[in-house]
C-alpha cells in the first residue's frame, strides 16, 4: 500500500464513515460559532454605525483579514489532522502575513505620522483582548472535539491550529462590534488577542489529541 493511501486509511479509521474530515470540521466550527454568535448578540452586539462602516475600505479590509485568517486556519487544521504532518505548515499562513503587512503599509502611507499612535491604540483595545478569547472558547472546544476523530502527527500543532481557527472565528464576529478599523489596530490587537487562544489550543491538543 502506498504511503498516501495508508495515511488516508488511518484517518478514515478514526472518523465516522461517510463524513469527510473537512465537513466534520466545518460542522463543528458552525456549531460552536452559533453559540458564540448568540453570546455576541446578547453582550456586545453590532456597532451602531454598521451601515456607513460597510462602505469604508478600512472596515472591508478588516473583515477581509479575519476571513482570510479563518480560511487559512481551516486549511491548516485539515492538514495537521493527518498522521504525517506537512512540511512547513506555517507557510500556509503566508498570504495572511502578506496582506497584513500590505494593509499596515497602506495605512502608514495615507496617514500623517502624528496620528499613527492614536490609530494603533484605538478605543477598544482592552475589550478586544477580552472579547476575542471569550468568543473563541466554545468554537475551540467544538473543533478540538472533532479533531479527536482525526489522527494528527503532532497533537500540539493541531491544537494550536484549532486555537487559531477558533480565534479567527471569534475575530470575525467581534469585527462587527469593534469601532477601530485601522489596520494598525487590527493587526496588533486582534493578533495579541489570538495568542492565548492558540496557546490554550496547543496545551489542550497535546493532552486530548494523542492517539
N, C-alpha and C. Protein backbone atom coordinates (compact mmCIF):
# COMPACT_ATOMS: atom_id res chain seq x y z
N UNK A 1 0.85 -1.20 0.00
CA UNK A 1 0.00 0.00 0.00
C UNK A 1 0.89 1.25 0.00
N UNK A 2 0.57 2.21 -0.85
CA UNK A 2 1.33 3.44 -0.90
C UNK A 2 1.10 4.26 0.36
N UNK A 3 2.09 5.13 0.65
CA UNK A 3 2.04 5.93 1.88
C UNK A 3 0.78 6.77 1.95
N UNK A 4 0.44 7.46 0.85
CA UNK A 4 -0.75 8.32 0.85
C UNK A 4 -2.02 7.54 1.14
N UNK A 5 -2.12 6.34 0.56
CA UNK A 5 -3.31 5.52 0.80
C UNK A 5 -3.35 5.03 2.24
N UNK A 6 -2.17 4.73 2.79
CA UNK A 6 -2.12 4.30 4.18
C UNK A 6 -2.56 5.42 5.11
N UNK A 7 -2.10 6.64 4.83
CA UNK A 7 -2.48 7.80 5.64
C UNK A 7 -3.98 8.01 5.59
N UNK A 8 -4.53 7.97 4.37
CA UNK A 8 -5.98 8.15 4.23
C UNK A 8 -6.75 7.07 4.98
N UNK A 9 -6.23 5.85 4.94
CA UNK A 9 -6.91 4.75 5.64
C UNK A 9 -6.87 4.96 7.15
N UNK A 10 -5.74 5.46 7.66
CA UNK A 10 -5.62 5.72 9.09
C UNK A 10 -6.57 6.81 9.53
N UNK A 11 -6.66 7.88 8.74
CA UNK A 11 -7.57 8.98 9.07
C UNK A 11 -9.01 8.51 9.01
N UNK A 12 -9.35 7.77 7.97
CA UNK A 12 -10.71 7.28 7.81
C UNK A 12 -11.09 6.36 8.95
N UNK A 13 -10.10 5.62 9.47
CA UNK A 13 -10.37 4.69 10.56
C UNK A 13 -10.73 5.39 11.85
N UNK A 14 -10.26 6.68 11.98
CA UNK A 14 -10.56 7.45 13.17
C UNK A 14 -11.82 8.29 13.03
N UNK A 15 -12.37 8.42 11.82
CA UNK A 15 -13.53 9.27 11.57
C UNK A 15 -14.75 8.43 11.25
N UNK A 16 -15.96 8.93 11.61
CA UNK A 16 -17.17 8.21 11.26
C UNK A 16 -17.28 8.05 9.75
N UNK A 17 -17.74 6.89 9.31
CA UNK A 17 -17.82 6.62 7.89
C UNK A 17 -18.79 7.56 7.19
N UNK A 18 -18.40 7.94 5.96
CA UNK A 18 -19.28 8.76 5.15
C UNK A 18 -19.22 10.24 5.46
N UNK A 19 -18.34 10.65 6.38
CA UNK A 19 -18.25 12.06 6.74
C UNK A 19 -16.80 12.51 6.61
N UNK A 20 -16.44 13.12 5.49
CA UNK A 20 -15.08 13.61 5.31
C UNK A 20 -14.72 14.59 6.43
N UNK A 21 -13.46 14.59 6.78
CA UNK A 21 -12.99 15.38 7.92
C UNK A 21 -13.29 16.86 7.75
N UNK A 22 -13.16 17.37 6.53
CA UNK A 22 -13.39 18.81 6.34
C UNK A 22 -14.83 19.19 6.63
N UNK A 23 -15.78 18.30 6.30
CA UNK A 23 -17.18 18.60 6.58
C UNK A 23 -17.47 18.50 8.07
N UNK A 24 -16.82 17.57 8.72
CA UNK A 24 -16.96 17.45 10.17
C UNK A 24 -16.40 18.69 10.86
N UNK A 25 -15.25 19.17 10.37
CA UNK A 25 -14.64 20.37 10.95
C UNK A 25 -15.53 21.58 10.72
N UNK A 26 -16.08 21.70 9.52
CA UNK A 26 -16.98 22.82 9.23
C UNK A 26 -18.21 22.77 10.12
N UNK A 27 -18.75 21.57 10.34
CA UNK A 27 -19.93 21.43 11.19
C UNK A 27 -19.62 21.79 12.63
N UNK A 28 -18.44 21.35 13.11
CA UNK A 28 -18.04 21.66 14.48
C UNK A 28 -17.86 23.17 14.65
N UNK A 29 -17.19 23.79 13.68
CA UNK A 29 -16.97 25.23 13.76
C UNK A 29 -18.29 25.99 13.71
N UNK A 30 -19.20 25.54 12.86
CA UNK A 30 -20.51 26.19 12.76
C UNK A 30 -21.28 26.06 14.06
N UNK A 31 -21.27 24.87 14.65
CA UNK A 31 -21.99 24.67 15.91
C UNK A 31 -21.44 25.56 17.01
N UNK A 32 -20.11 25.56 17.15
CA UNK A 32 -19.50 26.42 18.15
C UNK A 32 -19.71 27.89 17.84
N UNK A 33 -19.64 28.23 16.56
CA UNK A 33 -19.83 29.62 16.16
C UNK A 33 -21.22 30.15 16.44
N UNK A 34 -22.23 29.30 16.30
CA UNK A 34 -23.60 29.73 16.58
C UNK A 34 -23.78 30.07 18.06
N UNK A 35 -23.15 29.28 18.93
CA UNK A 35 -23.20 29.60 20.36
C UNK A 35 -22.52 30.93 20.63
N UNK A 36 -21.36 31.13 20.04
CA UNK A 36 -20.64 32.39 20.22
C UNK A 36 -21.41 33.56 19.62
N UNK A 37 -22.08 33.32 18.50
CA UNK A 37 -22.87 34.38 17.87
C UNK A 37 -24.01 34.82 18.78
N UNK A 38 -24.68 33.87 19.41
CA UNK A 38 -25.75 34.21 20.34
C UNK A 38 -25.21 35.01 21.52
N UNK A 39 -24.05 34.59 22.04
CA UNK A 39 -23.42 35.31 23.14
C UNK A 39 -23.00 36.70 22.70
N UNK A 40 -22.49 36.81 21.47
CA UNK A 40 -22.09 38.10 20.91
C UNK A 40 -23.26 39.06 20.84
N UNK A 41 -24.39 38.59 20.35
CA UNK A 41 -25.57 39.45 20.24
C UNK A 41 -26.09 39.87 21.61
N UNK A 42 -25.98 38.97 22.59
CA UNK A 42 -26.50 39.25 23.93
C UNK A 42 -25.60 40.19 24.72
N UNK A 43 -24.31 40.23 24.40
CA UNK A 43 -23.38 41.01 25.22
C UNK A 43 -22.79 42.21 24.51
N UNK A 44 -22.37 42.04 23.27
CA UNK A 44 -21.69 43.12 22.55
C UNK A 44 -22.60 43.78 21.52
N UNK A 45 -23.08 42.98 20.61
CA UNK A 45 -23.95 43.49 19.56
C UNK A 45 -23.17 44.16 18.43
N UNK A 46 -23.88 44.42 17.35
CA UNK A 46 -23.29 45.05 16.17
C UNK A 46 -23.15 46.55 16.42
N UNK A 47 -22.09 47.14 15.97
CA UNK A 47 -21.86 48.58 16.14
C UNK A 47 -22.98 49.40 15.53
N UNK A 48 -23.24 50.54 16.13
CA UNK A 48 -24.39 51.35 15.72
C UNK A 48 -24.24 51.90 14.30
N UNK A 49 -23.01 52.15 13.87
CA UNK A 49 -22.80 52.75 12.55
C UNK A 49 -22.40 51.72 11.51
N UNK A 50 -22.92 50.50 11.63
CA UNK A 50 -22.50 49.44 10.73
C UNK A 50 -22.81 49.76 9.27
N UNK A 51 -23.91 50.46 9.01
CA UNK A 51 -24.27 50.81 7.64
C UNK A 51 -23.20 51.62 6.94
N UNK A 52 -22.86 52.81 7.48
CA UNK A 52 -21.78 53.58 6.86
C UNK A 52 -20.44 52.86 6.87
N UNK A 53 -20.17 52.08 7.92
CA UNK A 53 -18.88 51.39 8.01
C UNK A 53 -18.69 50.40 6.87
N UNK A 54 -19.77 49.78 6.44
CA UNK A 54 -19.68 48.78 5.37
C UNK A 54 -19.14 49.35 4.07
N UNK A 55 -19.19 50.67 3.93
CA UNK A 55 -18.77 51.31 2.69
C UNK A 55 -17.38 51.95 2.81
N UNK A 56 -16.65 51.63 3.88
CA UNK A 56 -15.31 52.17 4.05
C UNK A 56 -14.28 51.07 3.78
N UNK A 57 -13.16 51.45 3.17
CA UNK A 57 -12.16 50.45 2.81
C UNK A 57 -11.50 49.84 4.03
N UNK A 58 -11.39 50.60 5.11
CA UNK A 58 -10.75 50.06 6.31
C UNK A 58 -11.58 48.93 6.92
N UNK A 59 -12.89 49.12 6.99
CA UNK A 59 -13.75 48.08 7.54
C UNK A 59 -13.74 46.86 6.63
N UNK A 60 -13.82 47.08 5.33
CA UNK A 60 -13.79 45.96 4.38
C UNK A 60 -12.48 45.19 4.49
N UNK A 61 -11.38 45.92 4.67
CA UNK A 61 -10.09 45.27 4.79
C UNK A 61 -10.00 44.49 6.10
N UNK A 62 -10.57 45.05 7.17
CA UNK A 62 -10.58 44.35 8.45
C UNK A 62 -11.32 43.03 8.34
N UNK A 63 -12.48 43.06 7.73
CA UNK A 63 -13.26 41.83 7.55
C UNK A 63 -12.52 40.87 6.63
N UNK A 64 -11.88 41.41 5.60
CA UNK A 64 -11.11 40.55 4.70
C UNK A 64 -9.97 39.85 5.41
N UNK A 65 -9.30 40.55 6.31
CA UNK A 65 -8.20 39.95 7.07
C UNK A 65 -8.68 38.80 7.94
N UNK A 66 -9.77 39.01 8.67
CA UNK A 66 -10.22 37.96 9.59
C UNK A 66 -10.80 36.78 8.82
N UNK A 67 -11.45 37.05 7.69
CA UNK A 67 -11.98 35.93 6.89
C UNK A 67 -10.86 35.14 6.23
N UNK A 68 -9.81 35.83 5.80
CA UNK A 68 -8.66 35.13 5.24
C UNK A 68 -8.00 34.27 6.32
N UNK A 69 -7.88 34.82 7.53
CA UNK A 69 -7.33 34.05 8.64
C UNK A 69 -8.19 32.83 8.92
N UNK A 70 -9.49 32.99 8.83
CA UNK A 70 -10.41 31.88 9.08
C UNK A 70 -10.21 30.78 8.03
N UNK A 71 -10.15 31.15 6.77
CA UNK A 71 -9.97 30.17 5.71
C UNK A 71 -8.64 29.45 5.79
N UNK A 72 -7.57 30.20 6.04
CA UNK A 72 -6.25 29.58 6.11
C UNK A 72 -6.11 28.69 7.35
N UNK A 73 -6.69 29.12 8.46
CA UNK A 73 -6.65 28.29 9.68
C UNK A 73 -7.44 27.01 9.48
N UNK A 74 -8.54 27.07 8.76
CA UNK A 74 -9.32 25.88 8.45
C UNK A 74 -8.48 24.89 7.65
N UNK A 75 -7.80 25.41 6.61
CA UNK A 75 -6.93 24.57 5.80
C UNK A 75 -5.80 23.96 6.63
N UNK A 76 -5.25 24.77 7.54
CA UNK A 76 -4.16 24.30 8.40
C UNK A 76 -4.63 23.19 9.33
N UNK A 77 -5.83 23.34 9.87
CA UNK A 77 -6.39 22.29 10.74
C UNK A 77 -6.54 20.97 9.99
N UNK A 78 -7.03 21.03 8.78
CA UNK A 78 -7.19 19.82 7.98
C UNK A 78 -5.84 19.17 7.73
N UNK A 79 -4.85 19.98 7.35
CA UNK A 79 -3.53 19.45 7.05
C UNK A 79 -2.89 18.81 8.28
N UNK A 80 -3.07 19.43 9.44
CA UNK A 80 -2.42 18.93 10.65
C UNK A 80 -3.21 17.83 11.34
N UNK A 81 -4.37 17.47 10.80
CA UNK A 81 -5.14 16.37 11.38
C UNK A 81 -4.68 15.02 10.85
N UNK A 82 -3.73 15.02 9.90
CA UNK A 82 -3.27 13.80 9.27
C UNK A 82 -2.13 13.16 10.06
N UNK A 83 -1.93 11.85 9.90
CA UNK A 83 -0.87 11.16 10.64
C UNK A 83 0.55 11.59 10.27
N UNK A 84 0.72 12.19 9.10
CA UNK A 84 2.01 12.71 8.69
C UNK A 84 1.86 14.22 8.49
N UNK A 85 2.60 14.98 9.29
CA UNK A 85 2.48 16.43 9.23
C UNK A 85 3.07 16.95 7.92
N UNK A 86 2.45 17.96 7.31
CA UNK A 86 3.01 18.54 6.09
C UNK A 86 4.30 19.28 6.41
N UNK A 87 5.16 19.40 5.41
CA UNK A 87 6.39 20.16 5.59
C UNK A 87 6.08 21.64 5.69
N UNK A 88 6.66 22.28 6.68
CA UNK A 88 6.50 23.72 6.87
C UNK A 88 5.03 24.16 6.86
N UNK A 89 4.21 23.66 7.77
CA UNK A 89 2.79 24.02 7.75
C UNK A 89 2.53 25.50 7.93
N UNK A 90 3.45 26.19 8.61
CA UNK A 90 3.26 27.62 8.82
C UNK A 90 3.23 28.43 7.54
N UNK A 91 3.78 27.87 6.46
CA UNK A 91 3.77 28.59 5.19
C UNK A 91 2.36 28.83 4.66
N UNK A 92 1.42 28.04 5.14
CA UNK A 92 0.04 28.24 4.71
C UNK A 92 -0.50 29.60 5.16
N UNK A 93 0.13 30.20 6.16
CA UNK A 93 -0.32 31.48 6.70
C UNK A 93 0.38 32.67 6.04
N UNK A 94 1.27 32.40 5.10
CA UNK A 94 2.00 33.50 4.45
C UNK A 94 1.08 34.50 3.74
N UNK A 95 0.00 34.07 3.06
CA UNK A 95 -0.89 35.07 2.46
C UNK A 95 -1.48 36.02 3.49
N UNK A 96 -1.79 35.52 4.68
CA UNK A 96 -2.32 36.38 5.74
C UNK A 96 -1.26 37.38 6.17
N UNK A 97 -0.03 36.91 6.37
CA UNK A 97 1.05 37.81 6.76
C UNK A 97 1.29 38.87 5.69
N UNK A 98 1.24 38.47 4.43
CA UNK A 98 1.47 39.41 3.34
C UNK A 98 0.38 40.48 3.29
N UNK A 99 -0.88 40.06 3.46
CA UNK A 99 -1.98 41.02 3.44
C UNK A 99 -1.89 41.96 4.64
N UNK A 100 -1.51 41.44 5.79
CA UNK A 100 -1.38 42.26 6.99
C UNK A 100 -0.30 43.32 6.80
N UNK A 101 0.85 42.90 6.27
CA UNK A 101 1.95 43.85 6.02
C UNK A 101 1.52 44.91 5.00
N UNK A 102 0.84 44.48 3.95
CA UNK A 102 0.39 45.42 2.93
C UNK A 102 -0.61 46.41 3.52
N UNK A 103 -1.55 45.91 4.33
CA UNK A 103 -2.56 46.79 4.93
C UNK A 103 -1.92 47.83 5.83
N UNK A 104 -0.96 47.41 6.64
CA UNK A 104 -0.27 48.35 7.53
C UNK A 104 0.53 49.37 6.71
N UNK A 105 1.18 48.91 5.66
CA UNK A 105 1.95 49.82 4.82
C UNK A 105 1.07 50.88 4.17
N UNK A 106 -0.10 50.46 3.69
CA UNK A 106 -1.03 51.41 3.08
C UNK A 106 -1.51 52.41 4.13
N UNK A 107 -1.84 51.94 5.31
CA UNK A 107 -2.31 52.83 6.37
C UNK A 107 -1.25 53.86 6.74
N UNK A 108 -0.02 53.42 6.87
CA UNK A 108 1.06 54.35 7.22
C UNK A 108 1.30 55.37 6.11
N UNK A 109 1.05 54.96 4.88
CA UNK A 109 1.31 55.86 3.75
C UNK A 109 0.22 56.92 3.58
N UNK A 110 -1.01 56.63 4.04
CA UNK A 110 -2.11 57.59 3.84
C UNK A 110 -2.38 58.44 5.07
N UNK A 111 -1.76 58.12 6.20
CA UNK A 111 -1.98 58.88 7.42
C UNK A 111 -0.74 59.67 7.79
N UNK A 112 -0.92 60.87 8.34
CA UNK A 112 0.25 61.60 8.87
C UNK A 112 0.82 60.86 10.07
N UNK A 113 2.11 60.95 10.25
CA UNK A 113 2.77 60.19 11.31
C UNK A 113 2.27 60.53 12.70
N UNK A 114 1.76 61.76 12.89
CA UNK A 114 1.28 62.16 14.22
C UNK A 114 0.04 61.37 14.64
N UNK A 115 -0.66 60.76 13.67
CA UNK A 115 -1.88 60.02 14.00
C UNK A 115 -1.65 58.52 14.13
N UNK A 116 -0.43 58.07 13.89
CA UNK A 116 -0.16 56.64 13.92
C UNK A 116 -0.43 56.04 15.30
N UNK A 117 0.06 56.70 16.35
CA UNK A 117 -0.09 56.16 17.70
C UNK A 117 -1.56 56.06 18.09
N UNK A 118 -2.33 57.08 17.75
CA UNK A 118 -3.76 57.06 18.07
C UNK A 118 -4.49 55.93 17.37
N UNK A 119 -4.17 55.71 16.09
CA UNK A 119 -4.80 54.61 15.35
C UNK A 119 -4.37 53.26 15.91
N UNK A 120 -3.13 53.16 16.35
CA UNK A 120 -2.63 51.91 16.90
C UNK A 120 -3.31 51.57 18.23
N UNK A 121 -3.43 52.54 19.11
CA UNK A 121 -4.02 52.32 20.43
C UNK A 121 -5.53 52.14 20.33
N UNK A 122 -6.18 52.95 19.49
CA UNK A 122 -7.62 52.84 19.29
C UNK A 122 -8.40 53.18 20.54
N UNK A 123 -9.62 52.67 20.57
CA UNK A 123 -10.51 52.96 21.72
C UNK A 123 -11.05 51.70 22.38
N UNK A 124 -10.75 50.53 21.80
CA UNK A 124 -11.35 49.29 22.31
C UNK A 124 -10.32 48.18 22.54
N UNK A 125 -9.08 48.54 22.80
CA UNK A 125 -8.03 47.53 22.90
C UNK A 125 -8.32 46.52 24.01
N UNK A 126 -8.71 47.00 25.18
CA UNK A 126 -8.97 46.09 26.30
C UNK A 126 -10.17 45.19 26.00
N UNK A 127 -11.21 45.78 25.42
CA UNK A 127 -12.39 44.98 25.06
C UNK A 127 -12.01 43.90 24.05
N UNK A 128 -11.17 44.27 23.10
CA UNK A 128 -10.72 43.31 22.09
C UNK A 128 -9.98 42.14 22.73
N UNK A 129 -9.09 42.45 23.67
CA UNK A 129 -8.28 41.41 24.32
C UNK A 129 -9.11 40.45 25.15
N UNK A 130 -10.27 40.90 25.59
CA UNK A 130 -11.16 40.05 26.39
C UNK A 130 -12.19 39.35 25.49
N UNK A 131 -12.75 40.10 24.56
CA UNK A 131 -13.88 39.59 23.77
C UNK A 131 -13.47 38.44 22.84
N UNK A 132 -12.37 38.58 22.14
CA UNK A 132 -11.99 37.55 21.18
C UNK A 132 -11.71 36.21 21.86
N UNK A 133 -10.88 36.16 22.93
CA UNK A 133 -10.71 34.86 23.61
C UNK A 133 -12.00 34.29 24.18
N UNK A 134 -12.87 35.18 24.69
CA UNK A 134 -14.13 34.70 25.26
C UNK A 134 -15.03 34.09 24.19
N UNK A 135 -15.14 34.78 23.06
CA UNK A 135 -15.97 34.27 21.96
C UNK A 135 -15.37 33.02 21.32
N UNK A 136 -14.08 32.78 21.54
CA UNK A 136 -13.41 31.64 20.92
C UNK A 136 -13.53 30.36 21.73
N UNK A 137 -13.97 30.44 22.98
CA UNK A 137 -13.94 29.27 23.87
C UNK A 137 -14.77 28.11 23.32
N UNK A 138 -16.03 28.37 22.99
CA UNK A 138 -16.91 27.29 22.53
C UNK A 138 -16.46 26.76 21.16
N UNK A 139 -16.14 27.61 20.17
CA UNK A 139 -15.62 27.06 18.92
C UNK A 139 -14.36 26.23 19.11
N UNK A 140 -13.47 26.64 20.01
CA UNK A 140 -12.26 25.87 20.26
C UNK A 140 -12.60 24.49 20.81
N UNK A 141 -13.51 24.44 21.77
CA UNK A 141 -13.91 23.14 22.34
C UNK A 141 -14.53 22.25 21.27
N UNK A 142 -15.36 22.84 20.40
CA UNK A 142 -16.02 22.05 19.35
C UNK A 142 -15.01 21.52 18.34
N UNK A 143 -14.06 22.36 17.95
CA UNK A 143 -13.06 21.94 16.96
C UNK A 143 -12.13 20.88 17.55
N UNK A 144 -11.72 21.05 18.80
CA UNK A 144 -10.86 20.04 19.43
C UNK A 144 -11.58 18.70 19.55
N UNK A 145 -12.87 18.75 19.89
CA UNK A 145 -13.64 17.50 19.99
C UNK A 145 -13.70 16.80 18.64
N UNK A 146 -13.84 17.59 17.57
CA UNK A 146 -13.89 16.99 16.24
C UNK A 146 -12.54 16.42 15.84
N UNK A 147 -11.46 17.13 16.17
CA UNK A 147 -10.13 16.68 15.77
C UNK A 147 -9.73 15.37 16.45
N UNK A 148 -10.41 15.01 17.52
CA UNK A 148 -10.15 13.71 18.15
C UNK A 148 -10.52 12.57 17.21
N UNK A 149 -11.33 12.87 16.18
CA UNK A 149 -11.67 11.85 15.18
C UNK A 149 -10.59 11.70 14.12
N UNK A 150 -9.63 12.63 14.12
CA UNK A 150 -8.54 12.56 13.17
C UNK A 150 -7.37 11.79 13.76
N UNK A 151 -6.21 11.97 13.15
CA UNK A 151 -5.01 11.27 13.62
C UNK A 151 -3.82 12.21 13.44
N UNK A 152 -3.76 13.31 14.20
CA UNK A 152 -2.71 14.30 13.99
C UNK A 152 -1.33 13.78 14.36
N UNK A 153 -0.36 14.03 13.48
CA UNK A 153 1.01 13.63 13.77
C UNK A 153 1.55 14.41 14.96
N UNK A 154 1.17 15.66 15.07
CA UNK A 154 1.58 16.50 16.20
C UNK A 154 0.33 17.03 16.89
N UNK A 155 -0.09 16.42 17.98
CA UNK A 155 -1.27 16.93 18.69
C UNK A 155 -1.13 18.38 19.13
N UNK A 156 0.09 18.78 19.47
CA UNK A 156 0.30 20.17 19.91
C UNK A 156 0.06 21.14 18.77
N UNK A 157 0.64 20.85 17.60
CA UNK A 157 0.44 21.74 16.45
C UNK A 157 -1.02 21.73 16.00
N UNK A 158 -1.65 20.57 16.01
CA UNK A 158 -3.06 20.50 15.62
C UNK A 158 -3.91 21.31 16.59
N UNK A 159 -3.60 21.24 17.87
CA UNK A 159 -4.32 22.03 18.86
C UNK A 159 -4.10 23.52 18.66
N UNK A 160 -2.87 23.90 18.35
CA UNK A 160 -2.59 25.31 18.08
C UNK A 160 -3.36 25.81 16.86
N UNK A 161 -3.44 24.97 15.82
CA UNK A 161 -4.21 25.33 14.63
C UNK A 161 -5.69 25.47 14.98
N UNK A 162 -6.19 24.60 15.85
CA UNK A 162 -7.58 24.71 16.31
C UNK A 162 -7.78 26.02 17.04
N UNK A 163 -6.80 26.42 17.85
CA UNK A 163 -6.88 27.69 18.54
C UNK A 163 -6.90 28.86 17.59
N UNK A 164 -6.07 28.80 16.55
CA UNK A 164 -6.07 29.86 15.55
C UNK A 164 -7.40 29.93 14.83
N UNK A 165 -7.96 28.78 14.50
CA UNK A 165 -9.26 28.74 13.81
C UNK A 165 -10.35 29.34 14.69
N UNK A 166 -10.36 28.96 15.97
CA UNK A 166 -11.37 29.48 16.89
C UNK A 166 -11.20 30.98 17.09
N UNK A 167 -9.95 31.43 17.20
CA UNK A 167 -9.70 32.86 17.37
C UNK A 167 -10.13 33.65 16.14
N UNK A 168 -9.89 33.10 14.96
CA UNK A 168 -10.29 33.77 13.72
C UNK A 168 -11.81 33.86 13.63
N UNK A 169 -12.51 32.80 14.04
CA UNK A 169 -13.97 32.82 14.04
C UNK A 169 -14.48 33.87 15.01
N UNK A 170 -13.86 33.95 16.19
CA UNK A 170 -14.25 34.95 17.18
C UNK A 170 -13.97 36.36 16.67
N UNK A 171 -12.82 36.54 16.01
CA UNK A 171 -12.47 37.85 15.46
C UNK A 171 -13.44 38.28 14.37
N UNK A 172 -13.93 37.30 13.59
CA UNK A 172 -14.90 37.62 12.54
C UNK A 172 -16.19 38.16 13.14
N UNK A 173 -16.58 37.65 14.30
CA UNK A 173 -17.75 38.18 14.99
C UNK A 173 -17.44 39.55 15.60
N UNK A 174 -16.34 39.62 16.33
CA UNK A 174 -16.01 40.86 17.04
C UNK A 174 -15.79 42.02 16.09
N UNK A 175 -15.34 41.74 14.87
CA UNK A 175 -15.08 42.81 13.90
C UNK A 175 -16.32 43.66 13.65
N UNK A 176 -17.51 43.07 13.82
CA UNK A 176 -18.74 43.82 13.56
C UNK A 176 -19.20 44.64 14.77
N UNK A 177 -18.49 44.49 15.87
CA UNK A 177 -18.74 45.35 17.04
C UNK A 177 -17.67 46.42 17.18
N UNK A 178 -16.45 46.08 16.81
CA UNK A 178 -15.29 46.94 17.03
C UNK A 178 -15.37 48.21 16.17
N UNK A 179 -15.15 49.36 16.83
CA UNK A 179 -15.17 50.64 16.12
C UNK A 179 -13.79 51.00 15.56
N UNK A 180 -12.77 50.25 15.92
CA UNK A 180 -11.41 50.53 15.45
C UNK A 180 -11.15 49.73 14.18
N UNK A 181 -11.13 50.41 13.06
CA UNK A 181 -10.98 49.74 11.77
C UNK A 181 -9.58 49.86 11.18
N UNK A 182 -8.71 50.64 11.82
CA UNK A 182 -7.37 50.84 11.26
C UNK A 182 -6.60 49.53 11.23
N UNK A 183 -5.92 49.24 10.12
CA UNK A 183 -5.07 48.04 10.07
C UNK A 183 -4.03 48.01 11.19
N UNK A 184 -3.57 49.18 11.63
CA UNK A 184 -2.62 49.22 12.74
C UNK A 184 -3.22 48.59 13.99
N UNK A 185 -4.47 48.91 14.27
CA UNK A 185 -5.15 48.34 15.43
C UNK A 185 -5.46 46.86 15.21
N UNK A 186 -6.02 46.54 14.06
CA UNK A 186 -6.48 45.17 13.81
C UNK A 186 -5.31 44.18 13.85
N UNK A 187 -4.25 44.47 13.14
CA UNK A 187 -3.12 43.55 13.10
C UNK A 187 -2.50 43.38 14.49
N UNK A 188 -2.41 44.47 15.23
CA UNK A 188 -1.77 44.41 16.56
C UNK A 188 -2.65 43.73 17.59
N UNK A 189 -3.84 44.25 17.81
CA UNK A 189 -4.65 43.81 18.93
C UNK A 189 -5.41 42.53 18.65
N UNK A 190 -5.87 42.34 17.42
CA UNK A 190 -6.51 41.07 17.09
C UNK A 190 -5.47 39.95 17.18
N UNK A 191 -4.25 40.23 16.73
CA UNK A 191 -3.19 39.24 16.82
C UNK A 191 -2.86 38.89 18.26
N UNK A 192 -2.74 39.90 19.12
CA UNK A 192 -2.46 39.65 20.53
C UNK A 192 -3.60 38.88 21.20
N UNK A 193 -4.84 39.21 20.83
CA UNK A 193 -6.00 38.52 21.42
C UNK A 193 -6.05 37.05 21.01
N UNK A 194 -5.49 36.74 19.84
CA UNK A 194 -5.50 35.35 19.38
C UNK A 194 -4.47 34.49 20.10
N UNK A 195 -3.41 35.10 20.62
CA UNK A 195 -2.31 34.33 21.21
C UNK A 195 -2.74 33.42 22.36
N UNK A 196 -3.53 33.90 23.34
CA UNK A 196 -3.93 32.98 24.41
C UNK A 196 -4.81 31.84 23.93
N UNK A 197 -5.60 32.06 22.88
CA UNK A 197 -6.44 31.00 22.34
C UNK A 197 -5.58 29.95 21.65
N UNK A 198 -4.58 30.41 20.91
CA UNK A 198 -3.66 29.48 20.25
C UNK A 198 -2.89 28.67 21.29
N UNK A 199 -2.44 29.35 22.34
CA UNK A 199 -1.70 28.66 23.40
C UNK A 199 -2.58 27.63 24.10
N UNK A 200 -3.80 28.02 24.42
CA UNK A 200 -4.73 27.09 25.06
C UNK A 200 -5.00 25.89 24.16
N UNK A 201 -5.17 26.16 22.86
CA UNK A 201 -5.39 25.06 21.91
C UNK A 201 -4.21 24.11 21.86
N UNK A 202 -2.99 24.65 21.89
CA UNK A 202 -1.80 23.81 21.84
C UNK A 202 -1.70 22.93 23.08
N UNK A 203 -1.95 23.54 24.25
CA UNK A 203 -1.87 22.77 25.51
C UNK A 203 -2.96 21.70 25.56
N UNK A 204 -4.17 22.09 25.19
CA UNK A 204 -5.28 21.12 25.21
C UNK A 204 -5.06 20.04 24.15
N UNK A 205 -4.57 20.44 22.98
CA UNK A 205 -4.33 19.46 21.92
C UNK A 205 -3.31 18.42 22.31
N UNK A 206 -2.29 18.85 23.03
CA UNK A 206 -1.26 17.91 23.46
C UNK A 206 -1.84 16.81 24.35
N UNK A 207 -2.84 17.18 25.13
CA UNK A 207 -3.44 16.21 26.06
C UNK A 207 -4.58 15.42 25.44
N UNK A 208 -5.34 16.09 24.55
CA UNK A 208 -6.59 15.49 24.07
C UNK A 208 -6.47 14.80 22.71
N UNK A 209 -5.48 15.16 21.92
CA UNK A 209 -5.42 14.67 20.54
C UNK A 209 -4.39 13.59 20.32
N UNK A 210 -3.81 13.08 21.39
CA UNK A 210 -2.86 11.98 21.23
C UNK A 210 -3.59 10.70 20.81
N UNK A 211 -2.91 9.88 20.00
CA UNK A 211 -3.52 8.64 19.52
C UNK A 211 -2.51 7.51 19.49
